[in-house]
Amino acid sequence: MIAAVIPAYNSEKHIMDIVKKTSAFVDIVIVVDNNSHDKTARLAECVGAMVIHEYIQGAGAATNRGMQIAKAMGADIVVTLDADGQHNPMDIPRVVEPVLRNDADVVFGSRFKNQNVIPYYRRFGIKVITLCCNLYSKEWLTDAQCGLRAFSKFALKAFNIEEHGYGVMIEEVMKAKKLYLRISEVPVQCFYHGLKNDSHMNPVKQGILTLLCILKWRLKLMI
């Protein structure tokens, strides 16, 4: 069984379209409503998603909640993607393929292996963050921040998510490297729906917090 986990916060604009398109490639879509103030949960249910609620605020907490539910349901593969329309659900088969072939335990989508139009400040920040994640590692990625990812049943059992916020992206990368999981990277599309709305946080502040998160996990995992 392939399950999709979609953390969602005030995503009523895109959630129905994302769920409908995702449903074509997976067996179940789990939308984790993370204290939304709009109709996200109701709209997701209307198009067939299994909606659960996570009251601890943050992408990491919501992702972990969805993954735990998927594991309890016996999922063989879990795919994670954003609810804001940034990811293209049509990339799901490409992301899960290495796991289905038993060539990888974790598959990371890469926006840099495809011809995507990425805001310049994001492109620079992602490259710096990815470089810091790659240091002292045999597994070199091109994009350590893309949320479109696939995890095998073995990977799901190997580690649990501890980060509550966006540090989950770094935590997953660093733990996969630490545990010597088989890692693959595939090209994916991304869409930015207006530069003013593509982030809720100042990019400089976000970048600094992410670099501190990398340092934290390097020290914690001793890598």
Protein backbone atom coordinates (compact mmCIF):
# COMPACT_ATOMS: atom_id res chain seq x y z
CA MET A 1 0.00 0.00 0.00
CA ILE A 2 1.22 3.47 -0.90
CA ALA A 3 0.04 6.30 1.35
CA ALA A 4 0.42 10.02 0.76
CA VAL A 5 0.83 12.30 3.77
CA ILE A 6 -0.05 15.96 3.20
CA PRO A 7 0.48 18.37 6.12
CA ALA A 8 -1.94 21.24 5.64
CA TYR A 9 -2.40 24.65 7.20
CA ASN A 10 -4.95 27.09 5.75
CA SER A 11 -4.65 25.41 2.35
CA GLU A 12 -8.23 25.63 1.11
CA LYS A 13 -7.13 27.25 -2.15
CA HIS A 14 -5.22 24.19 -3.38
CA ILE A 15 -6.16 21.23 -1.19
CA MET A 16 -8.99 19.80 -3.31
CA ASP A 17 -6.91 19.82 -6.47
CA ILE A 18 -3.89 18.33 -4.69
CA VAL A 19 -5.92 15.53 -3.09
CA LYS A 20 -7.72 14.63 -6.32
CA LYS A 21 -4.50 14.48 -8.34
CA THR A 22 -2.61 12.62 -5.61
CA SER A 23 -5.37 10.01 -5.31
CA ALA A 24 -4.62 8.82 -8.83
CA PHE A 25 -1.18 7.54 -7.76
CA VAL A 26 -1.63 6.25 -4.20
CA ASP A 27 -3.96 3.99 -2.26
CA ILE A 28 -4.84 6.48 0.44
CA VAL A 29 -4.37 10.23 0.94
CA ILE A 30 -3.89 11.35 4.55
CA VAL A 31 -4.35 15.08 5.06
CA VAL A 32 -3.08 16.28 8.42
CA ASP A 33 -4.91 19.48 9.29
CA ASN A 34 -2.58 21.56 11.44
CA ASN A 35 -5.00 23.97 13.19
CA SER A 36 -6.30 25.54 9.98
CA HIS A 37 -8.73 28.45 10.34
CA ASP A 38 -10.32 27.91 6.94
CA LYS A 39 -12.15 25.04 5.16
CA THR A 40 -9.04 22.93 4.51
CA ALA A 41 -10.23 19.85 6.43
CA ARG A 42 -13.80 19.92 5.11
CA LEU A 43 -12.72 20.35 1.49
CA ALA A 44 -10.14 17.57 1.76
CA GLU A 45 -12.81 15.20 3.08
CA CYS A 46 -15.14 16.16 0.24
CA VAL A 47 -12.69 14.75 -2.31
CA GLY A 48 -11.94 11.53 -0.46
CA ALA A 49 -9.00 12.27 1.81
CA MET A 50 -8.65 10.77 5.24
CA VAL A 51 -8.39 13.86 7.45
CA ILE A 52 -6.72 13.77 10.83
CA HIS A 53 -5.82 16.64 13.14
CA GLU A 54 -2.51 17.55 14.73
CA TYR A 55 -2.74 20.31 17.33
CA ILE A 56 1.00 20.76 17.85
CA GLN A 57 1.78 23.51 15.37
CA GLY A 58 4.38 22.88 12.69
CA ALA A 59 5.15 20.96 9.53
CA GLY A 60 7.26 18.42 11.41
CA ALA A 61 4.56 17.62 13.95
CA ALA A 62 1.95 17.25 11.20
CA THR A 63 4.23 15.10 9.05
CA ASN A 64 5.08 12.83 11.97
CA ARG A 65 1.40 12.41 12.82
CA GLY A 66 0.58 11.42 9.27
CA MET A 67 3.49 8.99 9.05
CA GLN A 68 2.49 7.31 12.31
CA ILE A 69 -1.03 6.81 11.00
CA ALA A 70 0.31 5.43 7.71
CA LYS A 71 2.61 3.01 9.57
CA ALA A 72 -0.27 1.83 11.75
CA MET A 73 -2.29 1.14 8.59
CA GLY A 74 0.53 -1.02 7.22
CA ALA A 75 1.74 1.28 4.45
CA ASP A 76 4.65 -0.09 2.42
CA ILE A 77 5.60 3.33 1.05
CA VAL A 78 4.79 6.81 2.35
CA VAL A 79 5.00 9.85 0.10
CA THR A 80 5.05 13.34 1.58
CA LEU A 81 4.12 16.49 -0.33
CA ASP A 82 3.00 20.02 0.40
CA ALA A 83 -0.60 21.21 0.42
CA ASP A 84 0.09 24.62 -1.13
CA GLY A 85 0.30 23.46 -4.75
CA GLN A 86 4.09 23.75 -4.92
CA HIS A 87 4.52 20.08 -5.83
CA ASN A 88 3.13 18.28 -8.85
CA PRO A 89 1.39 15.02 -7.81
CA MET A 90 2.20 13.64 -11.26
CA ASP A 91 5.79 13.32 -10.00
CA ILE A 92 4.72 10.75 -7.39
CA PRO A 93 5.36 7.70 -9.63
CA ARG A 94 8.88 8.97 -10.30
CA VAL A 95 9.54 9.46 -6.57
CA VAL A 96 8.25 6.04 -5.50
CA GLU A 97 9.82 4.08 -8.36
CA PRO A 98 13.27 3.57 -6.72
CA VAL A 99 11.53 2.22 -3.60
CA LEU A 100 9.31 -0.08 -5.64
CA ARG A 101 12.41 -1.42 -7.41
CA ASN A 102 14.03 -1.94 -3.98
CA ASP A 103 16.87 0.37 -5.01
CA ALA A 104 16.29 2.96 -2.28
CA ASP A 105 14.92 3.39 1.23
CA VAL A 106 14.47 7.16 0.95
CA VAL A 107 13.91 9.17 -2.22
CA PHE A 108 14.30 12.94 -2.23
CA GLY A 109 12.78 15.10 -4.93
CA SER A 110 15.14 17.65 -6.45
CA ARG A 111 14.03 20.95 -7.93
CA PHE A 112 17.50 21.45 -9.41
CA LYS A 113 17.42 18.30 -11.52
CA ASN A 114 14.50 19.78 -13.44
CA GLN A 115 14.05 23.12 -15.20
CA ASN A 116 12.18 24.96 -12.47
CA VAL A 117 11.83 28.70 -12.04
CA ILE A 118 12.92 29.25 -8.44
CA PRO A 119 13.12 32.70 -6.82
CA TYR A 120 16.80 33.68 -6.80
CA TYR A 121 17.04 34.10 -3.02
CA ARG A 122 15.50 30.66 -2.50
CA ARG A 123 17.82 29.10 -5.06
CA PHE A 124 20.86 30.55 -3.28
CA GLY A 125 19.60 29.58 0.16
CA ILE A 126 18.72 26.01 -0.83
CA LYS A 127 22.15 25.49 -2.39
CA VAL A 128 23.94 26.75 0.74
CA ILE A 129 21.78 24.60 3.01
CA THR A 130 22.26 21.54 0.81
CA LEU A 131 26.03 22.05 0.75
CA CYS A 132 26.08 22.17 4.55
CA CYS A 133 24.07 18.94 4.70
CA ASN A 134 26.45 17.27 2.25
CA LEU A 135 29.69 18.08 4.10
CA TYR A 136 31.54 14.98 5.30
CA SER A 137 28.98 12.76 3.58
CA LYS A 138 29.30 10.17 0.84
CA GLU A 139 25.71 10.83 -0.21
CA TRP A 140 25.60 14.15 -2.05
CA LEU A 141 22.21 15.68 -2.71
CA THR A 142 21.32 18.61 -4.94
CA ASP A 143 18.25 19.66 -2.92
CA ALA A 144 17.94 19.03 0.81
CA GLN A 145 14.80 21.13 1.21
CA CYS A 146 12.25 19.68 -1.19
CA GLY A 147 9.25 18.25 0.65
CA LEU A 148 8.26 15.77 -2.05
CA ARG A 149 9.80 12.57 -0.71
CA ALA A 150 9.19 8.83 -0.48
CA PHE A 151 10.01 6.46 2.38
CA SER A 152 10.08 2.68 2.40
CA LYS A 153 8.59 0.65 5.26
CA PHE A 154 12.15 -0.03 6.45
CA ALA A 155 12.95 3.71 6.52
CA LEU A 156 9.74 4.45 8.43
CA LYS A 157 10.74 1.96 11.10
CA ALA A 158 14.34 3.22 11.20
CA PHE A 159 13.58 6.65 12.63
CA ASN A 160 10.84 8.83 14.05
CA ILE A 161 10.52 12.55 13.47
CA GLU A 162 11.36 14.79 16.42
CA GLU A 163 11.25 18.27 14.85
CA HIS A 164 7.97 20.14 15.12
CA GLY A 165 8.70 22.78 12.50
CA TYR A 166 10.37 23.02 9.09
CA GLY A 167 13.52 21.52 10.58
CA VAL A 168 11.89 18.21 9.68
CA MET A 169 13.43 18.53 6.21
CA ILE A 170 16.93 18.62 7.68
CA GLU A 171 16.21 15.96 10.28
CA GLU A 172 15.08 13.46 7.63
CA VAL A 173 18.17 14.07 5.50
CA MET A 174 20.62 13.85 8.39
CA LYS A 175 19.05 10.74 9.90
CA ALA A 176 18.96 8.99 6.52
CA LYS A 177 22.68 9.68 6.14
CA LYS A 178 23.49 8.67 9.73
CA LEU A 179 21.67 5.35 9.38
CA TYR A 180 23.26 4.64 5.99
CA LEU A 181 19.88 4.23 4.37
CA ARG A 182 19.91 3.79 0.62
CA ILE A 183 19.26 7.29 -0.74
CA SER A 184 18.10 8.27 -4.20
CA GLU A 185 17.26 11.64 -5.74
CA VAL A 186 14.93 12.29 -8.68
CA PRO A 187 13.93 15.43 -10.60
CA VAL A 188 10.59 17.00 -9.70
CA GLN A 189 8.61 20.07 -10.66
CA CYS A 190 7.79 22.94 -8.36
CA PHE A 191 5.50 25.93 -8.67
CA TYR A 192 5.69 29.20 -6.78
CA HIS A 193 2.35 30.99 -6.55
CA GLY A 194 3.51 34.56 -6.22
CA LEU A 195 6.72 35.68 -4.58
CA LYS A 196 4.93 37.59 -1.83
CA ASN A 197 3.11 34.51 -0.62
CA ASP A 198 5.66 31.74 -1.08
CA SER A 199 6.87 31.93 2.50
CA HIS A 200 5.49 33.06 5.86
CA MET A 201 8.96 33.81 7.22
CA ASN A 202 11.71 36.25 6.32
CA PRO A 203 14.06 34.24 4.06
CA VAL A 204 17.20 35.43 5.87
CA LYS A 205 15.79 34.45 9.27
CA GLN A 206 14.58 31.15 7.86
CA GLY A 207 18.00 30.44 6.38
CA ILE A 208 19.81 31.15 9.64
CA LEU A 209 17.41 28.94 11.60
CA THR A 210 17.89 26.14 9.07
CA LEU A 211 21.69 26.35 9.31
CA LEU A 212 21.42 26.20 13.10
CA CYS A 213 19.20 23.16 12.69
CA ILE A 214 21.88 21.46 10.58
CA LEU A 215 24.46 22.19 13.26
CA LYS A 216 22.13 20.83 15.94
CA TRP A 217 21.58 17.54 14.12
CA ARG A 218 25.27 17.17 13.26
CA LEU A 219 26.11 17.47 16.96
CA LYS A 220 23.22 15.28 18.05
CA LEU A 221 23.98 12.50 15.56
CA MET A 222 27.76 13.06 15.62
CA ILE A 223 28.09 13.33 11.83
